[in-house]
Amino acid sequence: MRSLLSHNTTKSDCLWHDLYQAALFETDLNQIPARIAQAEEAIVARMKELLMATDDHIEEEQFLDDALYALRALRNCAERQANAA
């Protein structure tokens, strides 16, 4: 994320990243699904913004795709833990 958040940073750039980190580092299993949903919503909103942009955002688009993949993995892990309890 170094290059994404070091120059030309907008509020929506930081929002999705902050919500993503909050989901990843949430320790309360009951809160994880809500954190994931918030992060996914912000990521999708950012992706829509980038679709409308005229300049190149390939690197950020890859970060967004990776973040969605990680959130899916986190959701699967959290669901398994909840079902095992």
C-alpha atoms as a PDB file:
ATOM      1  CA  MET A   1       0.000   0.000   0.000  1.00  0.00           C
ATOM      2  CA  ARG A   2       2.985   2.310   0.300  1.00  0.00           C
ATOM      3  CA  SER A   3       2.632   3.786  -3.155  1.00  0.00           C
ATOM      4  CA  LEU A   4      -1.149   4.040  -3.038  1.00  0.00           C
ATOM      5  CA  LEU A   5      -1.416   6.038   0.122  1.00  0.00           C
ATOM      6  CA  SER A   6       1.699   8.153  -0.198  1.00  0.00           C
ATOM      7  CA  HIS A   7       0.622  10.415  -3.091  1.00  0.00           C
ATOM      8  CA  ASN A   8      -2.659  11.685  -4.486  1.00  0.00           C
ATOM      9  CA  THR A   9      -4.514  10.095  -1.599  1.00  0.00           C
ATOM     10  CA  THR A  10      -8.233  10.747  -1.463  1.00  0.00           C
ATOM     11  CA  LYS A  11     -10.718  10.065   1.300  1.00  0.00           C
ATOM     12  CA  SER A  12     -12.103   7.010  -0.501  1.00  0.00           C
ATOM     13  CA  ASP A  13      -8.565   5.609  -0.907  1.00  0.00           C
ATOM     14  CA  CYS A  14      -8.111   5.658   2.846  1.00  0.00           C
ATOM     15  CA  LEU A  15     -11.663   4.607   3.689  1.00  0.00           C
ATOM     16  CA  TRP A  16     -11.542   1.218   2.012  1.00  0.00           C
ATOM     17  CA  HIS A  17      -8.072   0.544   3.346  1.00  0.00           C
ATOM     18  CA  ASP A  18      -9.014   1.512   6.916  1.00  0.00           C
ATOM     19  CA  LEU A  19     -12.139  -0.662   6.829  1.00  0.00           C
ATOM     20  CA  TYR A  20     -10.167  -3.524   5.302  1.00  0.00           C
ATOM     21  CA  GLN A  21      -7.584  -3.381   8.081  1.00  0.00           C
ATOM     22  CA  ALA A  22     -10.324  -3.160  10.707  1.00  0.00           C
ATOM     23  CA  ALA A  23     -11.822  -6.389   9.336  1.00  0.00           C
ATOM     24  CA  LEU A  24      -8.483  -8.171   9.225  1.00  0.00           C
ATOM     25  CA  PHE A  25      -7.548  -7.241  12.768  1.00  0.00           C
ATOM     26  CA  GLU A  26     -10.958  -7.634  14.427  1.00  0.00           C
ATOM     27  CA  THR A  27     -10.626 -10.016  17.369  1.00  0.00           C
ATOM     28  CA  ASP A  28     -14.305 -10.334  18.272  1.00  0.00           C
ATOM     29  CA  LEU A  29     -15.665 -13.228  16.203  1.00  0.00           C
ATOM     30  CA  ASN A  30     -19.165 -11.772  16.453  1.00  0.00           C
ATOM     31  CA  GLN A  31     -18.017  -8.507  14.844  1.00  0.00           C
ATOM     32  CA  ILE A  32     -16.032 -10.001  11.972  1.00  0.00           C
ATOM     33  CA  PRO A  33     -18.975 -10.468   9.548  1.00  0.00           C
ATOM     34  CA  ALA A  34     -20.035  -6.831   9.934  1.00  0.00           C
ATOM     35  CA  ARG A  35     -16.460  -5.606   9.512  1.00  0.00           C
ATOM     36  CA  ILE A  36     -16.069  -7.687   6.370  1.00  0.00           C
ATOM     37  CA  ALA A  37     -19.330  -6.359   4.928  1.00  0.00           C
ATOM     38  CA  GLN A  38     -18.265  -2.758   5.585  1.00  0.00           C
ATOM     39  CA  ALA A  39     -14.883  -3.310   3.970  1.00  0.00           C
ATOM     40  CA  GLU A  40     -16.390  -5.057   0.950  1.00  0.00           C
ATOM     41  CA  GLU A  41     -18.858  -2.221   0.448  1.00  0.00           C
ATOM     42  CA  ALA A  42     -16.074   0.376   0.537  1.00  0.00           C
ATOM     43  CA  ILE A  43     -13.886  -1.666  -1.818  1.00  0.00           C
ATOM     44  CA  VAL A  44     -16.684  -2.066  -4.357  1.00  0.00           C
ATOM     45  CA  ALA A  45     -17.418   1.662  -4.143  1.00  0.00           C
ATOM     46  CA  ARG A  46     -13.751   2.420  -4.806  1.00  0.00           C
ATOM     47  CA  MET A  47     -13.725   0.010  -7.758  1.00  0.00           C
ATOM     48  CA  LYS A  48     -16.685   1.871  -9.232  1.00  0.00           C
ATOM     49  CA  GLU A  49     -14.836   5.168  -8.817  1.00  0.00           C
ATOM     50  CA  LEU A  50     -11.826   3.764 -10.634  1.00  0.00           C
ATOM     51  CA  LEU A  51     -14.004   2.567 -13.511  1.00  0.00           C
ATOM     52  CA  MET A  52     -15.021   6.173 -14.091  1.00  0.00           C
ATOM     53  CA  ALA A  53     -11.449   7.510 -13.851  1.00  0.00           C
ATOM     54  CA  THR A  54      -9.552   8.376 -17.007  1.00  0.00           C
ATOM     55  CA  ASP A  55      -6.059   7.633 -15.745  1.00  0.00           C
ATOM     56  CA  ASP A  56      -4.390   4.295 -15.046  1.00  0.00           C
ATOM     57  CA  HIS A  57      -5.069   2.596 -11.693  1.00  0.00           C
ATOM     58  CA  ILE A  58      -3.929  -0.947 -12.438  1.00  0.00           C
ATOM     59  CA  GLU A  59      -1.889  -1.268  -9.253  1.00  0.00           C
ATOM     60  CA  GLU A  60      -4.712  -0.087  -7.010  1.00  0.00           C
ATOM     61  CA  GLU A  61      -7.199  -2.296  -8.850  1.00  0.00           C
ATOM     62  CA  GLN A  62      -4.955  -5.276  -8.099  1.00  0.00           C
ATOM     63  CA  PHE A  63      -4.790  -4.280  -4.417  1.00  0.00           C
ATOM     64  CA  LEU A  64      -8.584  -4.071  -4.357  1.00  0.00           C
ATOM     65  CA  ASP A  65      -8.960  -7.497  -5.953  1.00  0.00           C
ATOM     66  CA  ASP A  66      -6.471  -8.954  -3.477  1.00  0.00           C
ATOM     67  CA  ALA A  67      -8.306  -7.344  -0.580  1.00  0.00           C
ATOM     68  CA  LEU A  68     -11.632  -8.857  -1.669  1.00  0.00           C
ATOM     69  CA  TYR A  69      -9.978 -12.261  -1.951  1.00  0.00           C
ATOM     70  CA  ALA A  70      -8.498 -11.925   1.548  1.00  0.00           C
ATOM     71  CA  LEU A  71     -11.868 -10.889   2.960  1.00  0.00           C
ATOM     72  CA  ARG A  72     -13.501 -13.962   1.413  1.00  0.00           C
ATOM     73  CA  ALA A  73     -10.851 -16.149   3.032  1.00  0.00           C
ATOM     74  CA  LEU A  74     -11.383 -14.402   6.357  1.00  0.00           C
ATOM     75  CA  ARG A  75     -15.147 -14.903   6.081  1.00  0.00           C
ATOM     76  CA  ASN A  76     -14.669 -18.617   5.415  1.00  0.00           C
ATOM     77  CA  CYS A  77     -12.332 -18.985   8.409  1.00  0.00           C
ATOM     78  CA  ALA A  78     -14.678 -17.067  10.697  1.00  0.00           C
ATOM     79  CA  GLU A  79     -17.652 -19.147   9.576  1.00  0.00           C
ATOM     80  CA  ARG A  80     -15.758 -22.375  10.265  1.00  0.00           C
ATOM     81  CA  GLN A  81     -14.793 -21.157  13.734  1.00  0.00           C
ATOM     82  CA  ALA A  82     -18.375 -20.121  14.472  1.00  0.00           C
ATOM     83  CA  ASN A  83     -19.711 -23.495  13.309  1.00  0.00           C
ATOM     84  CA  ALA A  84     -17.126 -25.370  15.353  1.00  0.00           C
ATOM     85  CA  ALA A  85     -18.081 -23.554  18.538  1.00  0.00           C
END
